Amino acid sequence: MISQSQKKGLYLVSTPIGNLGDLTIRALEILKNSDLILCEDTRVSLKLLNHYNIKTQLISFHKFNERKKTKDVIDNLIGGKIISIISDAGTPAISDPGKILVKECISNDIPVTPIPGASSVIASLSISGFSDKFIFYGFLEEKKNKLITELEFLSKIDYSIVIFIPPKKLTKNLETIINCFGNREIVLCREMTKMHEEFIRCKVKDLKKIKIYDKGELTIVISEIKERTNPLGFLDESDKKIIKRMLKNKSIKDIIKKFSNKKIPKKTIYDFCLKLKNDK
């Protein structure tokens, strides 16, 4: 029976990120009273539903069929059905399927209601000891050149940074990550809320000393900037503006000395100064 307080529409229900005991009482009521439950993997979600004796019909709804199935879901919602969407773990539409459906619901004036719950993002940040001003970036790009661009961009942000990353991808791109964030601190969160939960803390530059298990999915938290250095050794836009101004009345030698504390190679500064002089 549907609770009198449960209005019709779409419910984004957060599920446990590992420990099944983390499902909220409200989420349990919503799932039991829904007409349909959309899920990424019926095999994974069935374990949760069976644990709580929830008999609601499960419908496969993942990134490969979301666009195709959204119209049917919208039609059911317009017809008065109460539908919940869940992901394998955590909150739908956050680095998981659901965004397309939510946008269509908004376009069709269908109510969308969040049912909060366990979050690997907040859980990992809360135990990090880093700044609570943070950026959640989700999954990184697959292509190497795009990933490097992303990491260079993130390395300039003076907030804590939360990223989802498979262990093999972390290992594969370790050198790039160290180059970008070497002097910052990091927490690797593995198997959160499960029996083998593990939190590994170190400096980013010391990641090579850490044994990284290749199973599961990691949530990593990189600290705010601890030291004002430029580990990549490049000139950012603010550096270039300063050099342009200095060239009007300073020698290249003086400019190189000015930037010596930023660990930028002398040749990089020298070449940029020559370029400016030749462009005049």
Protein backbone atom coordinates (compact mmCIF):
# COMPACT_ATOMS: atom_id res chain seq x y z
CA MET A 1 0.00 0.00 0.00
CA ILE A 2 1.25 3.48 -0.90
CA SER A 3 1.84 5.85 2.01
CA GLN A 4 -0.48 8.87 1.96
CA SER A 5 2.58 11.13 2.11
CA GLN A 6 4.18 9.45 -0.90
CA LYS A 7 3.39 11.50 -3.97
CA LYS A 8 3.54 10.15 -7.51
CA GLY A 9 6.65 10.65 -9.60
CA LEU A 10 10.28 9.57 -9.79
CA TYR A 11 12.35 8.82 -6.69
CA LEU A 12 16.15 8.78 -6.75
CA VAL A 13 16.92 6.37 -3.94
CA SER A 14 20.42 6.15 -2.48
CA THR A 15 21.46 2.58 -1.71
CA PRO A 16 24.27 1.25 0.53
CA ILE A 17 27.82 1.61 -0.79
CA GLY A 18 28.73 -1.77 0.69
CA ASN A 19 27.13 -2.60 4.02
CA LEU A 20 23.46 -3.48 3.45
CA GLY A 21 22.61 -2.11 6.89
CA ASP A 22 23.10 1.43 5.59
CA LEU A 23 19.75 1.56 3.75
CA THR A 24 17.59 4.22 5.42
CA ILE A 25 14.11 3.53 6.78
CA ARG A 26 12.66 6.08 4.36
CA ALA A 27 14.43 4.46 1.38
CA LEU A 28 13.05 1.08 2.46
CA GLU A 29 9.48 2.44 2.55
CA ILE A 30 9.84 4.14 -0.86
CA LEU A 31 11.20 1.00 -2.54
CA LYS A 32 8.45 -1.19 -1.07
CA ASN A 33 5.74 1.22 -2.19
CA SER A 34 7.06 1.81 -5.73
CA ASP A 35 5.35 0.28 -8.75
CA LEU A 36 8.69 -0.25 -10.48
CA ILE A 37 12.37 -0.02 -9.52
CA LEU A 38 14.92 0.86 -12.20
CA CYS A 39 18.40 -0.51 -11.52
CA GLU A 40 21.83 -0.87 -13.16
CA ASP A 41 22.26 -4.60 -12.62
CA THR A 42 19.26 -6.71 -11.54
CA ARG A 43 21.58 -9.33 -10.02
CA VAL A 44 23.22 -6.77 -7.72
CA SER A 45 19.97 -5.02 -6.77
CA LEU A 46 18.15 -8.29 -6.15
CA LYS A 47 20.54 -9.02 -3.26
CA LEU A 48 19.46 -5.78 -1.60
CA LEU A 49 15.76 -6.32 -2.26
CA ASN A 50 15.85 -9.91 -1.03
CA HIS A 51 17.68 -8.83 2.12
CA TYR A 52 14.78 -6.49 2.98
CA ASN A 53 12.02 -8.70 1.51
CA ILE A 54 11.09 -6.10 -1.12
CA LYS A 55 8.94 -7.62 -3.86
CA THR A 56 8.74 -4.63 -6.25
CA GLN A 57 9.49 -5.43 -9.91
CA LEU A 58 13.03 -4.63 -11.04
CA ILE A 59 13.71 -3.16 -14.49
CA SER A 60 17.23 -3.07 -16.00
CA PHE A 61 18.18 0.57 -16.62
CA HIS A 62 21.85 1.28 -17.28
CA LYS A 63 24.11 3.56 -19.34
CA PHE A 64 23.75 1.39 -22.45
CA ASN A 65 19.93 1.42 -22.57
CA GLU A 66 19.02 4.60 -20.65
CA ARG A 67 18.16 6.65 -23.75
CA LYS A 68 16.14 3.82 -25.28
CA LYS A 69 14.11 3.09 -22.13
CA THR A 70 13.54 6.64 -20.91
CA LYS A 71 10.44 7.22 -23.10
CA ASP A 72 8.66 4.15 -21.67
CA VAL A 73 9.53 5.23 -18.14
CA ILE A 74 8.21 8.75 -18.79
CA ASP A 75 4.98 7.28 -20.19
CA ASN A 76 4.55 5.19 -17.04
CA LEU A 77 5.18 8.22 -14.84
CA ILE A 78 2.68 10.34 -16.77
CA GLY A 79 0.24 7.44 -16.32
CA GLY A 80 0.52 7.81 -12.56
CA LYS A 81 3.10 5.17 -11.67
CA ILE A 82 5.47 5.62 -8.76
CA ILE A 83 8.95 4.69 -9.96
CA SER A 84 12.24 4.52 -8.07
CA ILE A 85 15.69 4.43 -9.62
CA ILE A 86 18.68 2.97 -7.80
CA SER A 87 22.31 2.38 -8.76
CA ASP A 88 24.48 -0.57 -7.73
CA ALA A 89 25.80 1.59 -4.88
CA GLY A 90 25.25 5.15 -3.74
CA THR A 91 23.12 7.81 -5.43
CA PRO A 92 21.69 7.52 -8.96
CA ALA A 93 22.65 10.17 -11.55
CA ILE A 94 25.94 10.93 -9.75
CA SER A 95 28.57 9.18 -11.90
CA ASP A 96 25.79 6.65 -12.55
CA PRO A 97 22.76 6.38 -14.88
CA GLY A 98 19.78 8.67 -14.26
CA LYS A 99 20.69 12.13 -15.57
CA ILE A 100 18.86 11.68 -18.90
CA LEU A 101 15.72 10.45 -17.13
CA VAL A 102 15.80 13.29 -14.59
CA LYS A 103 16.06 15.89 -17.36
CA GLU A 104 13.08 14.33 -19.19
CA CYS A 105 11.04 14.33 -15.97
CA ILE A 106 11.78 18.03 -15.47
CA SER A 107 10.78 18.75 -19.09
CA ASN A 108 7.48 16.92 -18.54
CA ASP A 109 6.75 18.52 -15.14
CA ILE A 110 7.03 15.15 -13.40
CA PRO A 111 8.04 15.44 -9.72
CA VAL A 112 11.56 14.17 -8.95
CA THR A 113 12.34 13.43 -5.30
CA PRO A 114 15.79 12.59 -3.83
CA ILE A 115 15.99 10.00 -1.05
CA PRO A 116 19.40 10.61 0.54
CA GLY A 117 21.59 7.91 2.00
CA ALA A 118 25.11 6.51 2.04
CA SER A 119 27.65 8.46 -0.02
CA SER A 120 31.20 7.36 -0.75
CA VAL A 121 32.05 10.98 -1.58
CA ILE A 122 31.03 12.40 1.80
CA ALA A 123 32.20 9.33 3.72
CA SER A 124 35.70 9.53 2.23
CA LEU A 125 35.94 13.29 2.71
CA SER A 126 34.78 13.08 6.33
CA ILE A 127 37.66 10.80 7.35
CA SER A 128 40.32 12.52 5.22
CA GLY A 129 41.20 15.32 7.62
CA PHE A 130 41.44 17.65 4.60
CA SER A 131 39.59 20.90 3.86
CA ASP A 132 35.79 20.56 3.72
CA LYS A 133 35.81 22.88 0.71
CA PHE A 134 35.96 20.26 -2.00
CA ILE A 135 35.50 19.39 -5.65
CA PHE A 136 33.85 16.09 -6.59
CA TYR A 137 35.14 15.13 -10.01
CA GLY A 138 33.83 11.58 -10.39
CA PHE A 139 35.55 9.34 -12.96
CA LEU A 140 38.52 10.58 -14.97
CA GLU A 141 38.75 10.53 -18.76
CA GLU A 142 39.88 7.32 -20.47
CA LYS A 143 42.08 8.88 -23.16
CA LYS A 144 45.58 9.70 -21.94
CA ASN A 145 45.84 13.23 -23.39
CA LYS A 146 42.42 14.25 -22.01
CA LEU A 147 43.25 12.72 -18.64
CA ILE A 148 46.49 14.72 -18.43
CA THR A 149 44.57 17.91 -19.25
CA GLU A 150 42.06 17.10 -16.49
CA LEU A 151 44.74 16.43 -13.90
CA GLU A 152 46.65 19.61 -14.79
CA PHE A 153 43.41 21.57 -14.37
CA LEU A 154 42.61 19.91 -11.02
CA SER A 155 46.15 20.42 -9.72
CA LYS A 156 45.58 24.20 -9.69
CA ILE A 157 42.45 24.01 -7.50
CA ASP A 158 43.13 24.72 -3.83
CA TYR A 159 40.32 22.51 -2.52
CA SER A 160 40.11 18.86 -1.52
CA ILE A 161 39.42 16.75 -4.62
CA VAL A 162 37.37 13.53 -4.61
CA ILE A 163 37.83 11.14 -7.54
CA PHE A 164 36.51 7.67 -8.41
CA ILE A 165 39.18 5.51 -10.02
CA PRO A 166 39.70 1.78 -10.68
CA PRO A 167 42.96 0.53 -9.07
CA LYS A 168 44.45 -0.52 -12.45
CA LYS A 169 43.86 2.96 -13.86
CA LEU A 170 45.50 4.54 -10.80
CA THR A 171 48.55 2.31 -11.22
CA LYS A 172 48.72 2.95 -14.97
CA ASN A 173 48.66 6.74 -14.53
CA LEU A 174 50.66 6.94 -11.30
CA GLU A 175 53.52 8.97 -12.80
CA THR A 176 51.16 11.63 -14.17
CA ILE A 177 49.26 11.87 -10.88
CA ILE A 178 52.50 12.23 -8.92
CA ASN A 179 53.74 14.93 -11.31
CA CYS A 180 50.55 16.92 -10.83
CA PHE A 181 49.93 16.46 -7.08
CA GLY A 182 53.30 15.33 -5.67
CA ASN A 183 53.38 17.61 -2.61
CA ARG A 184 49.75 17.10 -1.65
CA GLU A 185 48.41 14.42 0.67
CA ILE A 186 46.06 11.63 -0.40
CA VAL A 187 43.71 9.09 1.14
CA LEU A 188 42.88 5.91 -0.77
CA CYS A 189 39.53 4.53 0.37
CA ARG A 190 38.93 0.88 -0.48
CA GLU A 191 35.96 -1.40 0.29
CA MET A 192 34.25 1.32 2.36
CA THR A 193 31.67 0.03 4.89
CA LYS A 194 32.60 -3.59 4.05
CA MET A 195 34.49 -6.20 6.07
CA HIS A 196 37.85 -5.40 4.46
CA GLU A 197 37.45 -1.61 4.59
CA GLU A 198 40.80 0.12 4.25
CA PHE A 199 42.08 3.71 4.31
CA ILE A 200 45.63 4.36 3.08
CA ARG A 201 47.17 7.75 3.82
CA CYS A 202 50.37 9.15 2.35
CA LYS A 203 51.87 11.94 0.29
CA VAL A 204 50.97 11.67 -3.39
CA LYS A 205 54.68 11.49 -4.23
CA ASP A 206 54.97 8.35 -2.04
CA LEU A 207 52.24 6.41 -3.87
CA LYS A 208 54.86 4.23 -5.56
CA LYS A 209 55.68 2.73 -2.16
CA ILE A 210 52.07 1.64 -1.59
CA LYS A 211 50.70 -1.76 -2.57
CA ILE A 212 47.52 -1.05 -4.53
CA TYR A 213 45.16 -4.02 -4.78
CA ASP A 214 43.66 -4.38 -8.25
CA LYS A 215 40.15 -5.36 -7.13
CA GLY A 216 37.14 -3.14 -6.44
CA GLU A 217 36.88 0.56 -7.03
CA LEU A 218 38.81 3.27 -5.19
CA THR A 219 37.52 6.57 -3.93
CA ILE A 220 40.52 8.84 -3.52
CA VAL A 221 40.68 12.19 -1.77
CA ILE A 222 43.53 14.56 -2.62
CA SER A 223 44.18 17.32 -0.11
CA GLU A 224 44.07 21.04 -0.66
CA ILE A 225 47.40 22.54 -1.78
CA LYS A 226 49.92 22.17 1.04
CA GLU A 227 52.88 23.88 -0.61
CA ARG A 228 52.84 26.48 -3.36
CA THR A 229 54.97 24.68 -5.91
CA ASN A 230 54.67 23.89 -9.57
CA PRO A 231 55.60 20.18 -9.84
CA LEU A 232 54.94 20.08 -13.57
CA GLY A 233 57.45 22.87 -14.22
CA PHE A 234 55.23 24.88 -16.55
CA LEU A 235 54.40 28.56 -16.74
CA ASP A 236 50.76 29.24 -16.00
CA GLU A 237 48.91 32.30 -17.34
CA SER A 238 49.61 34.43 -14.25
CA ASP A 239 53.35 33.63 -14.56
CA LYS A 240 53.33 34.71 -18.20
CA LYS A 241 51.64 38.02 -17.40
CA ILE A 242 54.24 38.77 -14.71
CA ILE A 243 57.10 37.98 -17.10
CA LYS A 244 55.62 40.24 -19.80
CA ARG A 245 55.53 43.15 -17.34
CA MET A 246 59.02 42.45 -15.99
CA LEU A 247 60.58 42.32 -19.46
CA LYS A 248 59.90 46.03 -19.85
CA ASN A 249 62.59 46.97 -17.31
CA LYS A 250 64.24 43.74 -16.10
CA SER A 251 66.84 41.41 -17.60
CA ILE A 252 66.10 37.76 -18.38
CA LYS A 253 68.57 36.87 -15.62
CA ASP A 254 66.53 38.87 -13.08
CA ILE A 255 63.31 37.19 -14.26
CA ILE A 256 64.80 33.71 -13.92
CA LYS A 257 65.92 34.57 -10.38
CA LYS A 258 62.41 35.81 -9.55
CA PHE A 259 60.88 32.43 -10.48
CA SER A 260 63.58 30.23 -8.94
CA ASN A 261 61.38 29.37 -5.92
CA LYS A 262 58.64 27.94 -8.18
CA LYS A 263 60.82 25.10 -9.46
CA ILE A 264 60.27 26.07 -13.08
CA PRO A 265 63.25 25.08 -15.26
CA LYS A 266 65.46 28.03 -16.20
CA LYS A 267 65.27 26.99 -19.85
CA THR A 268 61.46 27.22 -19.82
CA ILE A 269 61.63 30.82 -18.56
CA TYR A 270 64.50 31.72 -20.88
CA ASP A 271 62.73 30.33 -23.96
CA PHE A 272 59.51 32.17 -23.11
CA CYS A 273 61.38 35.45 -22.65
CA LEU A 274 63.11 35.04 -26.01
CA LYS A 275 59.79 34.28 -27.67
CA LEU A 276 58.32 37.49 -26.27
CA LYS A 277 61.29 39.51 -27.46
CA ASN A 278 61.16 37.97 -30.95
CA ASP A 279 57.40 38.59 -31.22
CA LYS A 280 57.86 42.33 -30.80
